[in-house]
Amino acid sequence: MIIVPVEKQIDWRRPPLVLIALVVINVLVYAFYQTGDNDKITRAIEYYQQHEMLDVEWRAYKAYARDKELPWEINKRNQYIVYYMVTDLNFDRFMSGKGEQFIPKTKRQSWRSKRDQLEAISSQISGNAFGFHSKQISLVQLITSQFLHGDIQHLLGNMVFLILVGFAVEAALGRGVFLAYYLISGIGSALLYAAMAPVGGGSLIGASGSISGVMAMYVVLFGFRKIQFFYWVVVVTGYFRAAAILMLPVYLLKEIHSYVTMDGSNIAFTAHIGGFITGAALVWLTRELRADVIDDDYLDNKPEALDRTSLAIQRIYDQMGQCEFAKAWEMLKPIKQSNQNRMDVIELEFNLVRAHHPQKVKEYLIHRMDKPANSTNVVTAQIQHWRSLNDKEIANISIAKHKGVLEGALELGHIQVAEEVFRHLRTADVDPMTLAVLARRLSTFCQGTNNQNKSDKYGALAQELASSNFNSNQEVNS
């Protein structure tokens, strides 16, 4: 379940410079620093295996595992066991303090030399070097850990949420206060994480705690003002309006529930909770002590430049948020009549069909295949549905609708789907000129994506089809 406030739009007359800087720094750190981590981990594992340290340290690791109650299988045959031993910074500390008592005296000197070399290699891994370690708190790492991420999905997910909520908080608090509160929220999230003493070692990395703080700042800033939220529950999406502050306990309870029920997860739910609490407390204290810092004029402004149709769309989403689907459907009808080719109206209609008439979704997707103004969600669903059809079902779809799927696939960059549709059209009774136009469209797309071989292939095919159409017309005329 995802619930995100979407009340405001970015005002480029006062651009969110701090937000942009934070996103850029996070991306650059990952792209130019963290991408080397895999090589460093591989070097450490190879060193560990090459010097047969698993057998030497196995008794020590079993003792460490019993002490820490590690959540993974302690078995030499576990294919990941060497990875765990090499990357667990707490095990490094255990070996530095108690390791010698588990190593035979005749091997201690050689082992210590190898262990020092291993730790020198593993200490270069970004999470070890600049991540936050709950057993060894460092002010520097409290900050640097906020700009590290585990993988590209972790980075992109965090940056999307930061962009969605960060610009409004920056506009309401001002750049300097926003930056300070962002970093303090990250520190608060890490300290609660440390206080809860997670098992399993490792380090805390990521902007999630800071962003949780920004989410809390957003809803506390708006307080009891009713604002718009976007929600996504499984396959159902939509909008609703509610008092902003009501979402704070929802966010907290969701993270607490996840912490209690998802035992063994590598997601730091306690860090999210710490971020929420810190961000909310900072804005509350600001309201109490320095209310002049907060730009309430900005918070009170209605969404910018909303026309009547946009306001009507919001009201319909409000009804959907209350599960009043039949009422929402009736409200949509007059709007659809006067805005047949408006993309946000089509998106609303699609969401409403999924919620109110799920049995008609496939029929709706086919109906709109040859219609303009389909949103990205509609086109994506159409492509997925088209690919699920068998040959007989595909044959029942008109040529115009096939062309619509092909164009939609190219708009979203799905060249393979577009090629599949084109192949089906070539086996159908389609005039050569129509095929020539579509082949030229495929050629142009491939050229734009630097796929010259395919561009040439479809360009030649377009010429061939156009020529055959011309020759056929000549024979008929003669």
Protein backbone atom coordinates (compact mmCIF):
# COMPACT_ATOMS: atom_id res chain seq x y z
CA MET A 1 0.00 0.00 0.00
CA ILE A 2 1.31 3.44 -0.98
CA ILE A 3 -0.26 6.76 0.09
CA VAL A 4 1.49 9.93 -1.09
CA PRO A 5 0.37 13.57 -0.65
CA VAL A 6 0.04 15.33 -4.03
CA GLU A 7 -1.57 18.62 -3.05
CA LYS A 8 1.06 20.90 -4.57
CA GLN A 9 2.83 21.32 -7.89
CA ILE A 10 6.39 22.61 -8.27
CA ASP A 11 6.49 26.39 -8.62
CA TRP A 12 9.47 27.00 -10.91
CA ARG A 13 9.40 30.69 -10.06
CA ARG A 14 11.13 29.57 -6.84
CA PRO A 15 12.80 26.31 -7.84
CA PRO A 16 13.53 23.67 -5.15
CA LEU A 17 17.31 24.02 -5.39
CA VAL A 18 18.10 22.04 -2.23
CA LEU A 19 15.85 19.19 -3.35
CA ILE A 20 17.52 19.11 -6.78
CA ALA A 21 20.97 19.16 -5.14
CA LEU A 22 20.05 16.25 -2.83
CA VAL A 23 18.80 14.14 -5.73
CA VAL A 24 21.87 14.92 -7.85
CA ILE A 25 24.28 14.08 -5.00
CA ASN A 26 22.54 10.77 -4.30
CA VAL A 27 22.64 9.80 -7.98
CA LEU A 28 26.27 10.83 -8.43
CA VAL A 29 27.41 8.99 -5.28
CA TYR A 30 25.76 5.81 -6.51
CA ALA A 31 26.91 6.15 -10.14
CA PHE A 32 30.54 7.12 -9.54
CA TYR A 33 31.33 5.55 -6.16
CA GLN A 34 29.04 2.68 -5.19
CA THR A 35 29.08 0.89 -8.53
CA GLY A 36 32.56 -0.35 -7.60
CA ASP A 37 31.27 -2.23 -4.53
CA ASN A 38 30.66 -5.52 -6.34
CA ASP A 39 34.31 -5.73 -7.38
CA LYS A 40 35.45 -4.98 -3.81
CA ILE A 41 33.14 -7.64 -2.34
CA THR A 42 34.30 -10.16 -4.93
CA ARG A 43 37.95 -9.41 -4.09
CA ALA A 44 37.28 -9.94 -0.38
CA ILE A 45 35.44 -13.24 -0.95
CA GLU A 46 38.15 -14.51 -3.30
CA TYR A 47 40.84 -13.60 -0.75
CA TYR A 48 38.88 -15.38 2.01
CA GLN A 49 38.50 -18.54 -0.06
CA GLN A 50 42.01 -18.46 -1.51
CA HIS A 51 43.56 -18.44 1.98
CA GLU A 52 41.08 -21.05 3.31
CA MET A 53 39.94 -18.79 6.13
CA LEU A 54 36.51 -20.45 6.34
CA ASP A 55 37.93 -23.56 8.05
CA VAL A 56 40.16 -21.50 10.36
CA GLU A 57 37.37 -19.14 11.52
CA TRP A 58 34.42 -21.54 11.48
CA ARG A 59 34.42 -22.21 15.27
CA ALA A 60 34.53 -18.46 15.91
CA TYR A 61 31.67 -17.79 13.50
CA LYS A 62 29.45 -20.42 15.14
CA ALA A 63 30.08 -18.79 18.53
CA TYR A 64 29.37 -15.36 17.07
CA ALA A 65 26.17 -16.64 15.42
CA ARG A 66 24.91 -18.13 18.71
CA ASP A 67 25.61 -14.85 20.49
CA LYS A 68 23.88 -12.70 17.85
CA GLU A 69 21.07 -15.15 16.96
CA LEU A 70 21.65 -14.55 13.27
CA PRO A 71 18.58 -15.02 11.02
CA TRP A 72 20.32 -17.19 8.39
CA GLU A 73 21.40 -20.83 8.27
CA ILE A 74 24.77 -21.48 9.94
CA ASN A 75 25.99 -24.26 7.69
CA LYS A 76 29.23 -24.59 5.72
CA ARG A 77 27.22 -25.86 2.74
CA ASN A 78 25.16 -22.66 2.63
CA GLN A 79 26.30 -21.06 -0.64
CA TYR A 80 26.05 -17.57 0.89
CA ILE A 81 27.88 -18.29 4.13
CA VAL A 82 31.22 -16.86 2.96
CA TYR A 83 29.44 -13.72 1.75
CA TYR A 84 27.85 -13.29 5.19
CA MET A 85 31.15 -13.80 6.99
CA VAL A 86 33.08 -11.40 4.77
CA THR A 87 30.55 -8.56 4.67
CA ASP A 88 29.40 -8.63 8.32
CA LEU A 89 31.23 -5.76 10.00
CA ASN A 90 30.12 -6.92 13.44
CA PHE A 91 31.86 -10.25 12.81
CA ASP A 92 35.03 -8.30 11.99
CA ARG A 93 34.77 -6.59 15.37
CA PHE A 94 34.07 -9.92 17.08
CA MET A 95 37.22 -11.38 15.53
CA SER A 96 39.28 -8.36 16.53
CA GLY A 97 38.18 -8.68 20.16
CA LYS A 98 37.64 -12.41 20.75
CA GLY A 99 38.84 -14.13 17.59
CA GLU A 100 42.20 -15.36 18.85
CA GLN A 101 40.68 -17.67 21.47
CA PHE A 102 39.08 -19.71 18.67
CA ILE A 103 42.26 -19.95 16.56
CA PRO A 104 44.90 -22.64 17.31
CA LYS A 105 48.09 -21.10 18.73
CA THR A 106 50.21 -22.45 15.90
CA LYS A 107 48.09 -20.61 13.34
CA ARG A 108 47.46 -17.32 15.15
CA GLN A 109 50.30 -15.28 13.69
CA SER A 110 49.50 -16.31 10.11
CA TRP A 111 45.76 -15.86 10.72
CA ARG A 112 46.20 -12.35 12.15
CA SER A 113 48.13 -11.24 9.07
CA LYS A 114 45.44 -12.62 6.74
CA ARG A 115 42.61 -11.17 8.84
CA ASP A 116 44.22 -7.69 8.76
CA GLN A 117 44.52 -7.90 4.97
CA LEU A 118 40.90 -9.05 4.63
CA GLU A 119 39.63 -6.20 6.79
CA ALA A 120 41.66 -3.74 4.74
CA ILE A 121 39.87 -4.96 1.60
CA SER A 122 36.35 -5.11 3.09
CA SER A 123 36.69 -1.71 4.78
CA GLN A 124 36.74 -0.13 1.31
CA ILE A 125 33.16 -1.29 0.58
CA SER A 126 30.95 1.80 0.66
CA GLY A 127 28.59 0.51 3.33
CA ASN A 128 31.49 -0.38 5.62
CA ALA A 129 33.38 2.84 4.95
CA PHE A 130 30.54 5.36 5.12
CA GLY A 131 27.44 3.47 6.27
CA PHE A 132 26.05 3.89 9.79
CA HIS A 133 27.08 1.14 12.22
CA SER A 134 24.82 0.81 15.24
CA LYS A 135 27.63 -0.48 17.49
CA GLN A 136 30.10 2.27 16.60
CA ILE A 137 28.26 5.59 16.23
CA SER A 138 30.07 8.23 14.20
CA LEU A 139 28.77 11.73 13.42
CA VAL A 140 30.33 11.59 9.95
CA GLN A 141 28.65 8.29 9.13
CA LEU A 142 25.32 9.57 10.48
CA ILE A 143 25.45 12.00 7.54
CA THR A 144 27.24 10.00 4.83
CA SER A 145 25.00 6.94 5.27
CA GLN A 146 22.05 9.07 4.07
CA PHE A 147 23.61 9.30 0.58
CA LEU A 148 24.34 5.59 0.03
CA HIS A 149 21.98 3.00 -1.46
CA GLY A 150 21.91 -0.77 -1.76
CA ASP A 151 21.00 -0.98 -5.46
CA ILE A 152 19.48 1.00 -8.31
CA GLN A 153 15.88 0.14 -7.28
CA HIS A 154 16.60 1.37 -3.75
CA LEU A 155 18.00 4.63 -5.15
CA LEU A 156 15.20 5.26 -7.67
CA GLY A 157 12.42 4.45 -5.18
CA ASN A 158 13.85 6.86 -2.62
CA MET A 159 14.42 9.66 -5.14
CA VAL A 160 10.88 9.41 -6.54
CA PHE A 161 9.36 9.81 -3.06
CA LEU A 162 11.77 12.61 -2.19
CA ILE A 163 10.79 14.55 -5.32
CA LEU A 164 7.05 13.99 -4.76
CA VAL A 165 7.05 15.51 -1.27
CA GLY A 166 10.31 17.42 -0.90
CA PHE A 167 9.61 20.45 -3.07
CA ALA A 168 6.54 21.47 -1.03
CA VAL A 169 8.36 21.10 2.29
CA GLU A 170 11.27 23.16 0.94
CA ALA A 171 8.86 25.88 -0.26
CA ALA A 172 7.09 25.98 3.13
CA LEU A 173 10.21 25.94 5.35
CA GLY A 174 12.81 27.64 3.18
CA ARG A 175 15.96 26.10 1.77
CA GLY A 176 18.25 26.29 4.80
CA VAL A 177 15.70 24.95 7.29
CA PHE A 178 14.63 22.20 4.87
CA LEU A 179 18.20 20.98 4.42
CA ALA A 180 18.88 21.05 8.16
CA TYR A 181 15.65 19.20 8.99
CA TYR A 182 16.29 16.65 6.22
CA LEU A 183 19.71 15.76 7.67
CA ILE A 184 18.47 15.81 11.28
CA SER A 185 15.63 13.43 10.32
CA GLY A 186 18.22 11.06 8.88
CA ILE A 187 20.22 11.26 12.10
CA GLY A 188 17.10 10.63 14.20
CA SER A 189 16.19 7.62 12.08
CA ALA A 190 19.67 6.11 12.51
CA LEU A 191 19.71 6.66 16.28
CA LEU A 192 16.38 4.88 16.76
CA TYR A 193 17.67 2.08 14.53
CA ALA A 194 20.72 1.79 16.81
CA ALA A 195 18.58 1.88 19.95
CA MET A 196 16.49 -1.07 18.71
CA ALA A 197 19.74 -3.07 18.34
CA PRO A 198 19.00 -4.99 15.11
CA VAL A 199 20.63 -8.41 14.80
CA GLY A 200 22.73 -9.64 11.93
CA GLY A 201 25.36 -6.93 11.66
CA GLY A 202 25.78 -4.92 8.52
CA SER A 203 25.37 -1.20 8.12
CA LEU A 204 22.46 1.17 7.68
CA ILE A 205 22.44 2.99 4.35
CA GLY A 206 19.88 4.93 2.35
CA ALA A 207 17.84 8.12 2.36
CA SER A 208 14.67 6.34 3.54
CA GLY A 209 14.88 7.68 7.09
CA SER A 210 15.40 11.25 5.90
CA ILE A 211 12.56 10.94 3.38
CA SER A 212 10.28 9.50 6.07
CA GLY A 213 11.05 12.68 8.00
CA VAL A 214 10.12 14.80 4.97
CA MET A 215 6.82 12.88 4.62
CA ALA A 216 6.05 13.61 8.28
CA MET A 217 7.01 17.27 7.82
CA TYR A 218 4.60 17.51 4.86
CA VAL A 219 1.53 16.27 6.75
CA VAL A 220 2.35 18.16 9.97
CA LEU A 221 2.89 21.39 8.02
CA PHE A 222 -0.55 21.09 6.42
CA GLY A 223 -2.04 20.00 9.75
CA PHE A 224 -5.83 19.80 9.64
CA ARG A 225 -6.07 21.27 6.15
CA LYS A 226 -7.73 18.82 3.77
CA ILE A 227 -5.30 17.92 1.02
CA GLN A 228 -5.20 15.45 -1.85
CA PHE A 229 -3.50 12.06 -1.56
CA PHE A 230 -2.70 9.49 -4.23
CA TYR A 231 -3.15 5.85 -3.19
CA TRP A 232 -2.09 2.55 -4.72
CA VAL A 233 -3.43 -0.66 -3.16
CA VAL A 234 -2.48 -3.79 -5.15
CA VAL A 235 -3.95 -2.88 -8.58
CA VAL A 236 -6.34 -0.12 -7.48
CA THR A 237 -5.18 3.48 -7.75
CA GLY A 238 -6.90 6.80 -7.22
CA TYR A 239 -7.10 9.98 -5.16
CA PHE A 240 -8.85 11.08 -1.98
CA ARG A 241 -8.90 14.16 0.22
CA ALA A 242 -8.39 14.08 3.98
CA ALA A 243 -6.96 16.16 6.80
CA ALA A 244 -3.21 15.88 6.27
CA ILE A 245 -2.31 15.18 9.91
CA LEU A 246 -4.46 12.02 9.91
CA MET A 247 -1.89 10.34 7.67
CA LEU A 248 0.89 10.57 10.27
CA PRO A 249 -0.49 7.78 12.51
CA VAL A 250 -1.28 5.78 9.34
CA TYR A 251 2.36 6.01 8.23
CA LEU A 252 3.65 5.10 11.69
CA LEU A 253 1.27 2.16 12.19
CA LYS A 254 2.15 0.79 8.76
CA GLU A 255 5.88 0.79 9.60
CA ILE A 256 5.31 -0.66 13.08
CA HIS A 257 3.15 -3.43 11.60
CA SER A 258 5.85 -4.20 9.02
CA TYR A 259 8.54 -4.25 11.71
CA VAL A 260 6.54 -6.71 13.83
CA THR A 261 5.38 -9.01 11.03
CA MET A 262 8.32 -8.99 8.58
CA ASP A 263 10.96 -10.55 10.80
CA GLY A 264 14.26 -11.06 8.97
CA SER A 265 13.61 -8.39 6.36
CA ASN A 266 16.58 -6.27 5.29
CA ILE A 267 14.39 -3.14 5.35
CA ALA A 268 15.15 -0.90 8.32
CA PHE A 269 11.58 -0.23 9.48
CA THR A 270 12.81 1.24 12.79
CA ALA A 271 14.82 3.80 10.80
CA HIS A 272 11.63 4.81 8.94
CA ILE A 273 9.82 5.18 12.27
CA GLY A 274 12.68 7.27 13.66
CA GLY A 275 12.57 9.51 10.59
CA PHE A 276 8.79 10.03 10.90
CA ILE A 277 9.03 10.91 14.59
CA THR A 278 11.99 13.26 14.11
CA GLY A 279 10.47 15.10 11.12
CA ALA A 280 7.11 15.53 12.85
CA ALA A 281 8.76 16.75 16.06
CA LEU A 282 10.91 19.30 14.20
CA VAL A 283 7.93 20.91 12.46
CA TRP A 284 5.83 20.83 15.64
CA LEU A 285 8.59 22.58 17.57
CA THR A 286 8.96 25.12 14.78
CA ARG A 287 5.22 25.84 14.94
CA GLU A 288 5.48 26.33 18.70
CA LEU A 289 8.71 28.34 18.86
CA ARG A 290 9.28 30.00 15.46
CA ALA A 291 5.99 29.96 13.55
CA ASP A 292 7.22 32.82 11.34
CA VAL A 293 9.63 30.40 9.66
CA ILE A 294 6.71 28.53 8.03
CA ASP A 295 5.18 30.01 4.87
CA ASP A 296 1.47 29.53 5.62
CA ASP A 297 0.49 31.62 2.61
CA TYR A 298 2.03 28.95 0.40
CA LEU A 299 0.28 26.17 2.32
CA ASP A 300 -3.11 27.90 2.11
CA ASN A 301 -3.01 28.42 -1.65
CA LYS A 302 -5.26 26.15 -3.68
CA PRO A 303 -3.72 23.91 -6.35
CA GLU A 304 -2.47 26.15 -9.15
CA ALA A 305 -4.51 26.87 -12.28
CA LEU A 306 -7.12 24.16 -11.92
CA ASP A 307 -9.90 24.47 -14.49
CA ARG A 308 -13.47 23.26 -13.93
CA THR A 309 -12.76 19.86 -15.44
CA SER A 310 -9.76 19.31 -13.16
CA LEU A 311 -11.83 20.23 -10.11
CA ALA A 312 -14.59 17.86 -11.27
CA ILE A 313 -12.00 15.09 -11.68
CA GLN A 314 -10.81 15.70 -8.13
CA ARG A 315 -14.38 15.43 -6.82
CA ILE A 316 -14.84 12.12 -8.66
CA TYR A 317 -11.64 10.74 -7.16
CA ASP A 318 -12.94 11.85 -3.76
CA GLN A 319 -16.05 9.72 -4.36
CA MET A 320 -13.87 6.79 -5.41
CA GLY A 321 -11.84 7.20 -2.24
CA GLN A 322 -15.11 6.71 -0.33
CA CYS A 323 -15.98 3.66 -2.50
CA GLU A 324 -18.95 5.53 -4.00
CA PHE A 325 -18.22 4.06 -7.44
CA ALA A 326 -21.77 4.25 -8.82
CA LYS A 327 -22.00 7.93 -7.92
CA ALA A 328 -18.56 8.58 -9.38
CA TRP A 329 -19.64 6.87 -12.63
CA GLU A 330 -22.65 9.14 -12.97
CA MET A 331 -20.50 12.22 -12.29
CA LEU A 332 -18.07 11.12 -15.00
CA LYS A 333 -20.63 10.89 -17.82
CA PRO A 334 -21.12 14.63 -18.53
CA ILE A 335 -17.38 15.30 -18.21
CA LYS A 336 -16.60 12.50 -20.69
CA GLN A 337 -19.09 13.87 -23.22
CA SER A 338 -17.35 17.25 -23.42
CA ASN A 339 -13.77 15.96 -22.94
CA GLN A 340 -13.57 12.78 -25.03
CA ASN A 341 -9.91 13.27 -25.92
CA ARG A 342 -8.58 14.61 -22.62
CA MET A 343 -5.93 12.30 -21.16
CA ASP A 344 -6.67 12.83 -17.45
CA VAL A 345 -10.35 12.11 -18.12
CA ILE A 346 -9.42 8.87 -19.91
CA GLU A 347 -7.13 7.93 -17.01
CA LEU A 348 -9.97 8.57 -14.56
CA GLU A 349 -12.38 6.50 -16.67
CA PHE A 350 -9.92 3.60 -16.79
CA ASN A 351 -9.42 3.67 -13.00
CA LEU A 352 -13.17 3.78 -12.49
CA VAL A 353 -13.79 0.85 -14.85
CA ARG A 354 -11.21 -1.20 -12.92
CA ALA A 355 -12.82 -0.31 -9.59
CA HIS A 356 -16.54 -0.39 -10.54
CA HIS A 357 -16.71 -2.80 -13.51
CA PRO A 358 -13.61 -5.02 -13.31
CA GLN A 359 -15.28 -7.62 -15.55
CA LYS A 360 -15.36 -5.04 -18.36
CA VAL A 361 -11.69 -4.00 -18.21
CA LYS A 362 -10.61 -6.16 -21.17
CA GLU A 363 -13.52 -4.92 -23.28
CA TYR A 364 -12.66 -1.33 -22.37
CA LEU A 365 -8.99 -1.77 -23.31
CA ILE A 366 -9.90 -3.15 -26.74
CA HIS A 367 -12.45 -0.36 -27.26
CA ARG A 368 -9.77 2.29 -26.69
CA MET A 369 -7.04 0.71 -28.82
CA ASP A 370 -7.75 2.97 -31.80
CA LYS A 371 -8.69 6.04 -29.76
CA PRO A 372 -6.46 9.08 -29.06
CA ALA A 373 -5.31 10.46 -25.68
CA ASN A 374 -4.72 7.11 -23.96
CA SER A 375 -2.61 7.57 -20.84
CA THR A 376 0.55 5.57 -20.13
CA ASN A 377 -1.35 3.29 -17.75
CA VAL A 378 -4.02 2.58 -20.37
CA VAL A 379 -1.47 1.88 -23.13
CA THR A 380 0.54 -0.39 -20.81
CA ALA A 381 -2.60 -2.35 -19.92
CA GLN A 382 -3.57 -2.59 -23.61
CA ILE A 383 -0.16 -4.03 -24.51
CA GLN A 384 -0.36 -6.57 -21.69
CA HIS A 385 -3.86 -7.61 -22.76
CA TRP A 386 -2.92 -7.85 -26.46
CA ARG A 387 0.01 -10.14 -25.62
CA SER A 388 -2.29 -12.42 -23.61
CA LEU A 389 -4.63 -13.05 -26.59
CA ASN A 390 -4.50 -16.15 -28.75
CA ASP A 391 -4.37 -16.04 -32.56
CA LYS A 392 -8.15 -16.38 -32.95
CA GLU A 393 -8.82 -13.50 -30.54
CA ILE A 394 -6.21 -11.34 -32.26
CA ALA A 395 -7.84 -12.02 -35.63
CA ASN A 396 -11.10 -10.53 -34.31
CA ILE A 397 -9.43 -7.19 -33.55
CA SER A 398 -9.67 -4.60 -36.30
CA ILE A 399 -6.66 -3.36 -38.25
CA ALA A 400 -7.18 0.14 -36.83
CA LYS A 401 -6.93 -1.20 -33.29
CA HIS A 402 -3.78 -3.16 -34.17
CA LYS A 403 -2.26 0.07 -35.47
CA GLY A 404 -3.21 1.76 -32.21
CA VAL A 405 -1.42 -0.93 -30.16
CA LEU A 406 1.65 -0.64 -32.41
CA GLU A 407 1.80 3.15 -32.03
CA GLY A 408 1.26 2.90 -28.28
CA ALA A 409 4.04 0.32 -27.95
CA LEU A 410 6.46 2.61 -29.78
CA GLU A 411 5.47 5.58 -27.62
CA LEU A 412 6.46 3.56 -24.55
CA GLY A 413 9.60 2.19 -26.21
CA HIS A 414 8.37 -1.44 -26.49
CA ILE A 415 9.89 -2.23 -29.90
CA GLN A 416 9.44 -6.00 -29.53
CA VAL A 417 5.69 -5.62 -28.99
CA ALA A 418 5.44 -3.26 -31.96
CA GLU A 419 7.26 -5.81 -34.11
CA GLU A 420 4.90 -8.58 -32.97
CA VAL A 421 1.88 -6.49 -33.95
CA PHE A 422 3.47 -5.70 -37.32
CA ARG A 423 4.08 -9.40 -38.00
CA HIS A 424 0.42 -10.18 -37.26
CA LEU A 425 -0.69 -7.42 -39.63
CA ARG A 426 1.50 -8.81 -42.42
CA THR A 427 -0.31 -12.15 -42.16
CA ALA A 428 -3.71 -10.43 -42.26
CA ASP A 429 -5.50 -8.91 -45.24
CA VAL A 430 -3.89 -5.47 -44.95
CA ASP A 431 -3.15 -3.31 -47.98
CA PRO A 432 0.58 -2.87 -48.74
CA MET A 433 0.50 0.92 -48.37
CA THR A 434 -0.77 0.69 -44.79
CA LEU A 435 2.01 -1.81 -44.04
CA ALA A 436 4.52 0.45 -45.76
CA VAL A 437 3.54 3.38 -43.52
CA LEU A 438 3.89 1.22 -40.39
CA ALA A 439 7.24 -0.18 -41.57
CA ARG A 440 8.47 3.38 -42.11
CA ARG A 441 7.29 4.21 -38.57
CA LEU A 442 9.29 1.26 -37.19
CA SER A 443 12.33 2.33 -39.21
CA THR A 444 12.16 5.87 -37.83
CA PHE A 445 11.83 4.60 -34.25
CA CYS A 446 14.81 2.23 -34.61
CA GLN A 447 16.91 5.03 -36.08
CA GLY A 448 16.06 7.21 -33.08
CA THR A 449 17.25 4.46 -30.73
CA ASN A 450 20.51 3.96 -32.69
CA ASN A 451 19.47 0.53 -33.95
CA GLN A 452 20.68 1.09 -37.50
CA ASN A 453 20.35 -2.53 -38.65
CA LYS A 454 16.65 -2.68 -37.83
CA SER A 455 16.12 0.83 -39.17
CA ASP A 456 17.60 -0.21 -42.53
CA LYS A 457 15.60 -3.45 -42.52
CA TYR A 458 12.25 -1.72 -42.01
CA GLY A 459 13.19 1.13 -44.33
CA ALA A 460 13.86 -1.35 -47.15
CA LEU A 461 10.65 -3.21 -46.35
CA ALA A 462 8.67 0.04 -46.47
CA GLN A 463 10.09 0.77 -49.92
CA GLU A 464 9.31 -2.74 -51.11
CA LEU A 465 5.70 -2.58 -49.87
CA ALA A 466 5.13 0.88 -51.35
CA SER A 467 6.55 -0.27 -54.70
CA SER A 468 4.36 -3.39 -54.76
CA ASN A 469 1.32 -1.23 -54.03
CA PHE A 470 2.26 1.14 -56.87
CA ASN A 471 2.81 -1.74 -59.32
CA SER A 472 -0.50 -3.32 -58.32
CA ASN A 473 -2.32 -0.04 -58.96
CA GLN A 474 -0.60 0.27 -62.35
CA GLU A 475 -1.81 -3.20 -63.38
CA VAL A 476 -5.39 -2.37 -62.35
CA ASN A 477 -5.34 0.95 -64.27
CA SER A 478 -3.95 -0.67 -67.41
